[in-house]
Amino acid sequence: MEVVASPQVGQTAPEFALKGPGGQVIRLSDYVGHRNVVLVFFPLAFSPVCSHQLPLIQKELESLRRLNAEVLGISVDSHYTNTAFARSLGLVFPLLSDFHHMASQAYGVYDPERRYSRRVVFVIDKQGSIVHRDETPPGGGIDDIPRIDSIVDALKRLS
């Protein structure tokens, strides 16, 4: 399997169409022209670090939405698993299923050895360009997750 380079700040974000809650298909293009998007690639539902990271984002969700941003979590889990995971954590932002690894490959975050994506956050502006990227280093734990304040700062620069 060929490893794709991750798009960098200033580049156009790759389009995707992924199943979210209830099997509803959500596309990046649903938001382009209307809202900024915070894409949160996380390795696996119900894993300890993901179970810590996503509630931190939920806690700041209203602040992010006031900055005209929508948050979308993405993992390789099925949309059924993501729905159960979101419910267990009390998340109200959609978790999307990249079951066939199309989005994680397009964003260059897929780890073929582990068969899931790395922990990476992208902030995408209303025009569809990547304006911020933050990745947890390999083997990183709870103390290494992408910081909410850097996401907020990136969104404030767009205001």
Protein backbone atom coordinates (compact mmCIF):
# COMPACT_ATOMS: atom_id res chain seq x y z
CA MET A 1 0.00 0.00 0.00
CA GLU A 2 1.36 3.38 -1.01
CA VAL A 3 1.63 5.94 1.80
CA VAL A 4 0.25 9.33 0.80
CA ALA A 5 1.85 12.52 2.08
CA SER A 6 -0.35 14.46 4.47
CA PRO A 7 -1.70 17.73 3.03
CA GLN A 8 -0.05 20.72 4.65
CA VAL A 9 -1.18 24.17 5.75
CA GLY A 10 -2.15 26.22 2.71
CA GLN A 11 -3.25 23.25 0.63
CA THR A 12 -6.81 22.35 -0.30
CA ALA A 13 -8.35 19.77 2.04
CA PRO A 14 -9.29 16.51 0.32
CA GLU A 15 -13.02 15.87 -0.13
CA PHE A 16 -14.62 12.93 1.66
CA ALA A 17 -18.04 11.31 2.01
CA LEU A 18 -18.33 9.27 5.20
CA LYS A 19 -21.15 7.69 7.19
CA GLY A 20 -22.02 9.44 10.41
CA PRO A 21 -24.77 9.01 12.99
CA GLY A 22 -27.63 6.88 11.68
CA GLY A 23 -25.66 6.10 8.51
CA GLN A 24 -26.13 9.67 7.21
CA VAL A 25 -23.44 10.57 4.67
CA ILE A 26 -21.48 13.69 5.58
CA ARG A 27 -19.15 15.40 3.12
CA LEU A 28 -16.56 18.12 3.60
CA SER A 29 -18.28 19.99 0.77
CA ASP A 30 -21.41 20.24 2.98
CA TYR A 31 -19.50 22.91 4.93
CA VAL A 32 -17.29 24.62 2.32
CA GLY A 33 -18.53 28.13 1.74
CA HIS A 34 -20.48 28.13 5.02
CA ARG A 35 -18.43 27.03 8.03
CA ASN A 36 -14.89 26.24 9.11
CA VAL A 37 -14.29 22.58 9.93
CA VAL A 38 -12.20 20.95 12.63
CA LEU A 39 -11.35 17.39 11.52
CA VAL A 40 -10.27 15.18 14.39
CA PHE A 41 -8.76 11.92 13.19
CA PHE A 42 -8.62 9.51 16.13
CA PRO A 43 -7.30 5.93 16.09
CA LEU A 44 -10.02 3.79 17.67
CA ALA A 45 -13.31 4.18 19.51
CA PHE A 46 -13.30 3.13 23.16
CA SER A 47 -9.50 3.36 23.43
CA PRO A 48 -8.16 5.18 26.52
CA VAL A 49 -6.54 8.22 24.86
CA CYS A 50 -9.48 8.73 22.47
CA SER A 51 -11.86 8.44 25.41
CA HIS A 52 -9.90 11.29 27.01
CA GLN A 53 -9.41 13.50 23.93
CA LEU A 54 -12.94 13.65 22.52
CA PRO A 55 -14.65 14.80 25.76
CA LEU A 56 -12.12 17.67 25.94
CA ILE A 57 -13.30 18.76 22.50
CA GLN A 58 -16.95 18.36 23.54
CA LYS A 59 -16.27 20.63 26.54
CA GLU A 60 -15.11 23.40 24.15
CA LEU A 61 -17.66 22.70 21.41
CA GLU A 62 -19.73 25.85 21.96
CA SER A 63 -16.58 28.00 21.85
CA LEU A 64 -15.60 26.35 18.59
CA ARG A 65 -19.08 26.84 17.14
CA ARG A 66 -19.03 30.52 18.11
CA LEU A 67 -15.95 30.72 15.90
CA ASN A 68 -18.10 29.42 13.02
CA ALA A 69 -16.62 25.92 13.11
CA GLU A 70 -18.11 22.46 13.00
CA VAL A 71 -16.21 19.55 14.57
CA LEU A 72 -16.12 16.17 12.82
CA GLY A 73 -14.42 13.18 14.42
CA ILE A 74 -13.13 10.48 12.06
CA SER A 75 -12.00 6.93 12.81
CA VAL A 76 -11.79 3.63 10.96
CA ASP A 77 -14.51 2.17 13.19
CA SER A 78 -17.96 1.42 11.77
CA HIS A 79 -20.64 4.09 12.08
CA TYR A 80 -22.43 1.78 14.53
CA THR A 81 -19.37 1.66 16.79
CA ASN A 82 -18.85 5.42 16.52
CA THR A 83 -22.50 6.05 17.42
CA ALA A 84 -22.16 3.89 20.55
CA PHE A 85 -18.84 5.57 21.42
CA ALA A 86 -20.31 9.06 21.03
CA ARG A 87 -23.30 8.11 23.16
CA SER A 88 -21.06 6.65 25.88
CA LEU A 89 -19.06 9.90 26.06
CA GLY A 90 -22.01 12.29 25.67
CA LEU A 91 -20.64 13.74 22.43
CA VAL A 92 -22.99 15.83 20.28
CA PHE A 93 -20.63 16.38 17.33
CA PRO A 94 -20.67 13.69 14.64
CA LEU A 95 -18.18 10.84 14.57
CA LEU A 96 -17.67 9.62 11.02
CA SER A 97 -16.73 6.15 9.85
CA ASP A 98 -13.72 5.85 7.58
CA PHE A 99 -14.19 2.09 7.50
CA HIS A 100 -12.52 1.74 4.09
CA HIS A 101 -9.66 4.13 5.01
CA MET A 102 -10.36 6.47 2.09
CA ALA A 103 -10.27 9.73 4.10
CA SER A 104 -7.37 8.74 6.34
CA GLN A 105 -5.37 7.79 3.24
CA ALA A 106 -6.31 11.02 1.42
CA TYR A 107 -5.19 13.03 4.46
CA GLY A 108 -1.99 10.98 4.77
CA VAL A 109 -2.75 9.87 8.33
CA TYR A 110 -3.43 6.16 7.77
CA ASP A 111 -1.02 3.75 9.48
CA PRO A 112 -1.08 0.57 7.33
CA GLU A 113 0.77 -1.50 9.93
CA ARG A 114 -1.78 -0.76 12.65
CA ARG A 115 -4.71 -0.44 10.20
CA TYR A 116 -6.04 2.79 11.72
CA SER A 117 -5.32 6.49 11.49
CA ARG A 118 -2.86 8.46 13.54
CA ARG A 119 -4.17 11.14 15.93
CA VAL A 120 -4.19 14.31 13.80
CA VAL A 121 -6.31 17.46 13.85
CA PHE A 122 -6.86 19.64 10.78
CA VAL A 123 -8.56 23.04 10.81
CA ILE A 124 -10.08 23.84 7.43
CA ASP A 125 -11.36 27.30 6.55
CA LYS A 126 -14.64 28.08 4.79
CA GLN A 127 -12.86 28.07 1.43
CA GLY A 128 -11.68 24.48 1.96
CA SER A 129 -8.01 25.24 2.71
CA ILE A 130 -6.07 23.71 5.57
CA VAL A 131 -5.05 26.47 7.98
CA HIS A 132 -3.79 24.38 10.92
CA ARG A 133 -2.46 20.85 11.43
CA ASP A 134 -1.45 19.21 14.70
CA GLU A 135 -0.34 15.60 15.12
CA THR A 136 0.37 13.51 18.18
CA PRO A 137 3.90 12.10 17.95
CA PRO A 138 4.21 8.32 17.45
CA GLY A 139 3.65 6.54 20.75
CA GLY A 140 2.23 9.73 22.28
CA GLY A 141 -0.25 9.52 25.11
CA ILE A 142 -2.75 11.75 26.87
CA ASP A 143 -0.21 14.52 27.44
CA ASP A 144 0.61 14.66 23.71
CA ILE A 145 -2.85 15.05 22.14
CA PRO A 146 -3.46 18.09 19.92
CA ARG A 147 -4.24 21.08 22.12
CA ILE A 148 -7.64 22.74 22.06
CA ASP A 149 -6.12 26.20 22.56
CA SER A 150 -4.12 25.88 19.33
CA ILE A 151 -7.33 24.93 17.49
CA VAL A 152 -9.13 27.95 18.99
CA ASP A 153 -6.22 30.22 18.04
CA ALA A 154 -6.31 28.97 14.44
CA LEU A 155 -10.04 29.65 14.25
CA LYS A 156 -9.65 33.12 15.80
CA ARG A 157 -7.13 34.02 13.11
CA LEU A 158 -9.90 33.30 10.55
CA SER A 159 -12.31 35.77 12.18
